[in-house]
């Protein structure tokens, strides 16, 4: 089941970000982001995750979403890896 969900996300245009955005994927349900195979895929391909949903003001004055409040995730290329939007399957 995990493989099927991962393939659906990687191959579907539903979750792929437009070329004008920094993210590679967006709107992925948090439950998918917690799957071990998805986490391993992120690690193997040098991606990172940002949690999206209601935001709270932090002590530093920034507004950030906590993992426990998140409704979805966005996937970005790690800054050390460069800015390629090619997705390895």
Foldseek 3Di string as FASTA:
>chain_A
DLVVVVCCQVPDPVFADDPVDQFGGWDAFLVNVPDPVNVVLCVVQQKDKFFDDAWDQDPVRDTGDDSVGGGIITIHHPPVVDRDSDHDD
